Amino acid sequence: MTVYSDPLPDRTDGAIHDLIEVCEDGARGFAAAAELLDGELKSTFEQLGAERQRLAAELHELATRLGVSRPESGSVKAAAHRAWMRLKDMAPGDNTHAVISAAEEGEDYALEQYDEALDAGLVEEARNVVARQRTEVKASHDRVRSLQAATA
């Protein structure tokens, strides 16, 4: 493990905070979507939510190891939040495709945020974690996209 005696570049702090928020939003969003779905789709979304929560926990651990400062206030990225919030207006039994489409929109945003973080010039340890997580987010994104296409 690398110990940083100098403050991390702001871009590393900011990128890690943003990704934590995106992962936590995704975990909540997948859980909300699962409540609106049945059977295998419900199980799939519960699993995706648990995976996203695991990624958030890993980023929290990374932040602690690197000495990333806690933000004074949230910098919620509104686009992903809006996509997931559309689920609040839906009820169980609503259009399955609409639920999955909201999730797919959230996944598009998550993938964009991972790409931006990787372009931000992160310190090596953070870059390695973020690159590995991006691969997992891309797999989830593709899974949700295929579910979306199957329910169209």
C-alpha atoms as a PDB file:
ATOM      1  CA  MET A   1       0.000   0.000   0.000  1.00  0.00           C
ATOM      2  CA  THR A   2       1.249   3.462  -0.865  1.00  0.00           C
ATOM      3  CA  VAL A   3       1.122   6.047   1.881  1.00  0.00           C
ATOM      4  CA  TYR A   4       0.837   9.632   0.690  1.00  0.00           C
ATOM      5  CA  SER A   5       2.475  12.208   2.922  1.00  0.00           C
ATOM      6  CA  ASP A   6       1.546  15.122   0.689  1.00  0.00           C
ATOM      7  CA  PRO A   7      -2.071  16.054   0.022  1.00  0.00           C
ATOM      8  CA  LEU A   8      -3.589  14.225  -2.917  1.00  0.00           C
ATOM      9  CA  PRO A   9      -4.372  16.227  -6.009  1.00  0.00           C
ATOM     10  CA  ASP A  10      -7.886  17.679  -5.816  1.00  0.00           C
ATOM     11  CA  ARG A  11      -8.808  15.731  -8.943  1.00  0.00           C
ATOM     12  CA  THR A  12      -8.209  12.445  -7.079  1.00  0.00           C
ATOM     13  CA  ASP A  13     -10.257  13.588  -4.080  1.00  0.00           C
ATOM     14  CA  GLY A  14     -13.056  14.828  -6.319  1.00  0.00           C
ATOM     15  CA  ALA A  15     -13.114  11.793  -8.588  1.00  0.00           C
ATOM     16  CA  ILE A  16     -13.267   9.351  -5.682  1.00  0.00           C
ATOM     17  CA  HIS A  17     -16.074  11.317  -4.007  1.00  0.00           C
ATOM     18  CA  ASP A  18     -18.020  11.498  -7.261  1.00  0.00           C
ATOM     19  CA  LEU A  19     -17.691   7.754  -7.851  1.00  0.00           C
ATOM     20  CA  ILE A  20     -18.775   6.951  -4.302  1.00  0.00           C
ATOM     21  CA  GLU A  21     -21.916   9.029  -4.860  1.00  0.00           C
ATOM     22  CA  VAL A  22     -22.562   7.410  -8.232  1.00  0.00           C
ATOM     23  CA  CYS A  23     -22.187   3.922  -6.747  1.00  0.00           C
ATOM     24  CA  GLU A  24     -24.394   4.702  -3.763  1.00  0.00           C
ATOM     25  CA  ASP A  25     -27.030   6.235  -6.059  1.00  0.00           C
ATOM     26  CA  GLY A  26     -26.823   3.133  -8.246  1.00  0.00           C
ATOM     27  CA  ALA A  27     -27.210   0.786  -5.280  1.00  0.00           C
ATOM     28  CA  ARG A  28     -30.319   2.681  -4.128  1.00  0.00           C
ATOM     29  CA  GLY A  29     -31.651   2.839  -7.674  1.00  0.00           C
ATOM     30  CA  PHE A  30     -31.239  -0.868  -8.340  1.00  0.00           C
ATOM     31  CA  ALA A  31     -32.959  -1.626  -5.009  1.00  0.00           C
ATOM     32  CA  ALA A  32     -35.866   0.665  -5.952  1.00  0.00           C
ATOM     33  CA  ALA A  33     -36.105  -0.940  -9.391  1.00  0.00           C
ATOM     34  CA  ALA A  34     -36.076  -4.427  -7.853  1.00  0.00           C
ATOM     35  CA  GLU A  35     -39.130  -3.462  -5.782  1.00  0.00           C
ATOM     36  CA  LEU A  36     -40.999  -2.790  -9.021  1.00  0.00           C
ATOM     37  CA  LEU A  37     -40.009  -6.026 -10.736  1.00  0.00           C
ATOM     38  CA  ASP A  38     -40.788  -9.698 -10.265  1.00  0.00           C
ATOM     39  CA  GLY A  39     -39.030 -13.022 -10.573  1.00  0.00           C
ATOM     40  CA  GLU A  40     -35.685 -13.214 -12.284  1.00  0.00           C
ATOM     41  CA  LEU A  41     -35.597  -9.487 -13.087  1.00  0.00           C
ATOM     42  CA  LYS A  42     -36.121  -8.654  -9.408  1.00  0.00           C
ATOM     43  CA  SER A  43     -33.261 -10.994  -8.422  1.00  0.00           C
ATOM     44  CA  THR A  44     -31.009  -9.553 -11.109  1.00  0.00           C
ATOM     45  CA  PHE A  45     -31.590  -5.988  -9.944  1.00  0.00           C
ATOM     46  CA  GLU A  46     -31.075  -6.954  -6.305  1.00  0.00           C
ATOM     47  CA  GLN A  47     -27.754  -8.526  -7.294  1.00  0.00           C
ATOM     48  CA  LEU A  48     -26.724  -5.454  -9.301  1.00  0.00           C
ATOM     49  CA  GLY A  49     -27.566  -3.236  -6.323  1.00  0.00           C
ATOM     50  CA  ALA A  50     -25.447  -5.375  -3.997  1.00  0.00           C
ATOM     51  CA  GLU A  51     -22.564  -5.255  -6.475  1.00  0.00           C
ATOM     52  CA  ARG A  52     -22.798  -1.466  -6.686  1.00  0.00           C
ATOM     53  CA  GLN A  53     -22.849  -1.194  -2.882  1.00  0.00           C
ATOM     54  CA  ARG A  54     -19.701  -3.343  -2.765  1.00  0.00           C
ATOM     55  CA  LEU A  55     -18.005  -0.952  -5.201  1.00  0.00           C
ATOM     56  CA  ALA A  56     -18.980   2.018  -3.029  1.00  0.00           C
ATOM     57  CA  ALA A  57     -17.566   0.290   0.062  1.00  0.00           C
ATOM     58  CA  GLU A  58     -14.325  -0.413  -1.778  1.00  0.00           C
ATOM     59  CA  LEU A  59     -14.076   3.245  -2.789  1.00  0.00           C
ATOM     60  CA  HIS A  60     -14.676   4.308   0.821  1.00  0.00           C
ATOM     61  CA  GLU A  61     -11.800   2.018   1.874  1.00  0.00           C
ATOM     62  CA  LEU A  62      -9.596   3.479  -0.867  1.00  0.00           C
ATOM     63  CA  ALA A  63     -10.437   6.995   0.277  1.00  0.00           C
ATOM     64  CA  THR A  64      -9.447   6.087   3.830  1.00  0.00           C
ATOM     65  CA  ARG A  65      -6.151   4.504   2.713  1.00  0.00           C
ATOM     66  CA  LEU A  66      -5.273   7.512   0.577  1.00  0.00           C
ATOM     67  CA  GLY A  67      -6.323  10.045   3.177  1.00  0.00           C
ATOM     68  CA  VAL A  68      -8.957  11.547   0.918  1.00  0.00           C
ATOM     69  CA  SER A  69     -10.696  14.365   2.743  1.00  0.00           C
ATOM     70  CA  ARG A  70     -14.434  14.119   3.340  1.00  0.00           C
ATOM     71  CA  PRO A  71     -16.422  16.672   1.363  1.00  0.00           C
ATOM     72  CA  GLU A  72     -18.039  19.420   3.410  1.00  0.00           C
ATOM     73  CA  SER A  73     -21.251  19.040   1.451  1.00  0.00           C
ATOM     74  CA  GLY A  74     -22.494  16.650  -1.164  1.00  0.00           C
ATOM     75  CA  SER A  75     -21.771  17.278  -4.807  1.00  0.00           C
ATOM     76  CA  VAL A  76     -24.601  15.069  -5.984  1.00  0.00           C
ATOM     77  CA  LYS A  77     -24.420  14.481  -9.684  1.00  0.00           C
ATOM     78  CA  ALA A  78     -27.983  15.305 -10.645  1.00  0.00           C
ATOM     79  CA  ALA A  79     -28.231  13.379 -13.922  1.00  0.00           C
ATOM     80  CA  ALA A  80     -27.908   9.916 -12.403  1.00  0.00           C
ATOM     81  CA  HIS A  81     -30.039  10.881  -9.451  1.00  0.00           C
ATOM     82  CA  ARG A  82     -32.848  12.074 -11.758  1.00  0.00           C
ATOM     83  CA  ALA A  83     -32.763   8.831 -13.729  1.00  0.00           C
ATOM     84  CA  TRP A  84     -33.151   6.758 -10.598  1.00  0.00           C
ATOM     85  CA  MET A  85     -35.710   9.130  -9.054  1.00  0.00           C
ATOM     86  CA  ARG A  86     -38.109   8.492 -11.956  1.00  0.00           C
ATOM     87  CA  LEU A  87     -38.582   5.085 -10.344  1.00  0.00           C
ATOM     88  CA  LYS A  88     -40.242   6.710  -7.316  1.00  0.00           C
ATOM     89  CA  ASP A  89     -43.216   7.652  -9.484  1.00  0.00           C
ATOM     90  CA  MET A  90     -43.722   4.093 -10.679  1.00  0.00           C
ATOM     91  CA  ALA A  91     -45.702   1.359  -8.987  1.00  0.00           C
ATOM     92  CA  PRO A  92     -45.232  -2.416  -8.998  1.00  0.00           C
ATOM     93  CA  GLY A  93     -46.623  -3.762 -12.222  1.00  0.00           C
ATOM     94  CA  ASP A  94     -45.817  -0.627 -14.212  1.00  0.00           C
ATOM     95  CA  ASN A  95     -44.130  -1.023 -17.552  1.00  0.00           C
ATOM     96  CA  THR A  96     -41.112  -3.273 -17.025  1.00  0.00           C
ATOM     97  CA  HIS A  97     -39.382  -1.674 -19.991  1.00  0.00           C
ATOM     98  CA  ALA A  98     -39.731   1.804 -18.413  1.00  0.00           C
ATOM     99  CA  VAL A  99     -38.165   0.562 -15.161  1.00  0.00           C
ATOM    100  CA  ILE A 100     -35.255  -1.033 -17.004  1.00  0.00           C
ATOM    101  CA  SER A 101     -34.861   2.061 -19.205  1.00  0.00           C
ATOM    102  CA  ALA A 102     -34.461   4.250 -16.109  1.00  0.00           C
ATOM    103  CA  ALA A 103     -31.807   1.841 -14.843  1.00  0.00           C
ATOM    104  CA  GLU A 104     -30.042   1.874 -18.202  1.00  0.00           C
ATOM    105  CA  GLU A 105     -29.936   5.670 -18.140  1.00  0.00           C
ATOM    106  CA  GLY A 106     -28.368   5.539 -14.681  1.00  0.00           C
ATOM    107  CA  GLU A 107     -25.827   3.002 -15.935  1.00  0.00           C
ATOM    108  CA  ASP A 108     -24.911   5.221 -18.907  1.00  0.00           C
ATOM    109  CA  TYR A 109     -24.190   8.006 -16.457  1.00  0.00           C
ATOM    110  CA  ALA A 110     -22.160   5.753 -14.129  1.00  0.00           C
ATOM    111  CA  LEU A 111     -20.000   4.623 -17.026  1.00  0.00           C
ATOM    112  CA  GLU A 112     -19.420   8.248 -18.094  1.00  0.00           C
ATOM    113  CA  GLN A 113     -18.318   9.117 -14.550  1.00  0.00           C
ATOM    114  CA  TYR A 114     -15.839   6.240 -14.464  1.00  0.00           C
ATOM    115  CA  ASP A 115     -14.428   7.365 -17.825  1.00  0.00           C
ATOM    116  CA  GLU A 116     -14.091  10.940 -16.555  1.00  0.00           C
ATOM    117  CA  ALA A 117     -12.342   9.728 -13.409  1.00  0.00           C
ATOM    118  CA  LEU A 118      -9.857   7.712 -15.448  1.00  0.00           C
ATOM    119  CA  ASP A 119      -9.127  10.789 -17.570  1.00  0.00           C
ATOM    120  CA  ALA A 120      -8.583  12.936 -14.450  1.00  0.00           C
ATOM    121  CA  GLY A 121      -4.996  11.919 -13.744  1.00  0.00           C
ATOM    122  CA  LEU A 122      -5.593   9.849 -10.611  1.00  0.00           C
ATOM    123  CA  VAL A 123      -2.744   8.638  -8.427  1.00  0.00           C
ATOM    124  CA  GLU A 124      -1.717   5.088  -9.377  1.00  0.00           C
ATOM    125  CA  GLU A 125      -3.483   3.180  -6.593  1.00  0.00           C
ATOM    126  CA  ALA A 126      -6.747   5.010  -7.262  1.00  0.00           C
ATOM    127  CA  ARG A 127      -6.384   4.561 -11.019  1.00  0.00           C
ATOM    128  CA  ASN A 128      -5.923   0.794 -10.612  1.00  0.00           C
ATOM    129  CA  VAL A 129      -9.057   0.448  -8.456  1.00  0.00           C
ATOM    130  CA  VAL A 130     -11.146   2.718 -10.688  1.00  0.00           C
ATOM    131  CA  ALA A 131     -10.030   0.925 -13.873  1.00  0.00           C
ATOM    132  CA  ARG A 132     -10.957  -2.470 -12.420  1.00  0.00           C
ATOM    133  CA  GLN A 133     -14.291  -1.156 -11.167  1.00  0.00           C
ATOM    134  CA  ARG A 134     -15.025   0.419 -14.551  1.00  0.00           C
ATOM    135  CA  THR A 135     -14.809  -3.058 -16.082  1.00  0.00           C
ATOM    136  CA  GLU A 136     -17.432  -4.267 -13.584  1.00  0.00           C
ATOM    137  CA  VAL A 137     -19.668  -1.243 -14.211  1.00  0.00           C
ATOM    138  CA  LYS A 138     -19.394  -1.815 -17.969  1.00  0.00           C
ATOM    139  CA  ALA A 139     -20.498  -5.435 -17.521  1.00  0.00           C
ATOM    140  CA  SER A 140     -23.501  -4.292 -15.442  1.00  0.00           C
ATOM    141  CA  HIS A 141     -24.278  -1.602 -18.007  1.00  0.00           C
ATOM    142  CA  ASP A 142     -24.238  -4.152 -20.827  1.00  0.00           C
ATOM    143  CA  ARG A 143     -26.400  -6.547 -18.818  1.00  0.00           C
ATOM    144  CA  VAL A 144     -29.018  -3.851 -18.170  1.00  0.00           C
ATOM    145  CA  ARG A 145     -28.890  -2.772 -21.824  1.00  0.00           C
ATOM    146  CA  SER A 146     -29.543  -6.344 -22.980  1.00  0.00           C
ATOM    147  CA  LEU A 147     -32.479  -6.594 -20.538  1.00  0.00           C
ATOM    148  CA  GLN A 148     -33.795  -3.324 -21.924  1.00  0.00           C
ATOM    149  CA  ALA A 149     -33.623  -4.649 -25.476  1.00  0.00           C
ATOM    150  CA  ALA A 150     -35.311  -7.893 -24.448  1.00  0.00           C
ATOM    151  CA  THR A 151     -38.273  -6.030 -22.902  1.00  0.00           C
ATOM    152  CA  ALA A 152     -38.769  -3.549 -25.749  1.00  0.00           C
END
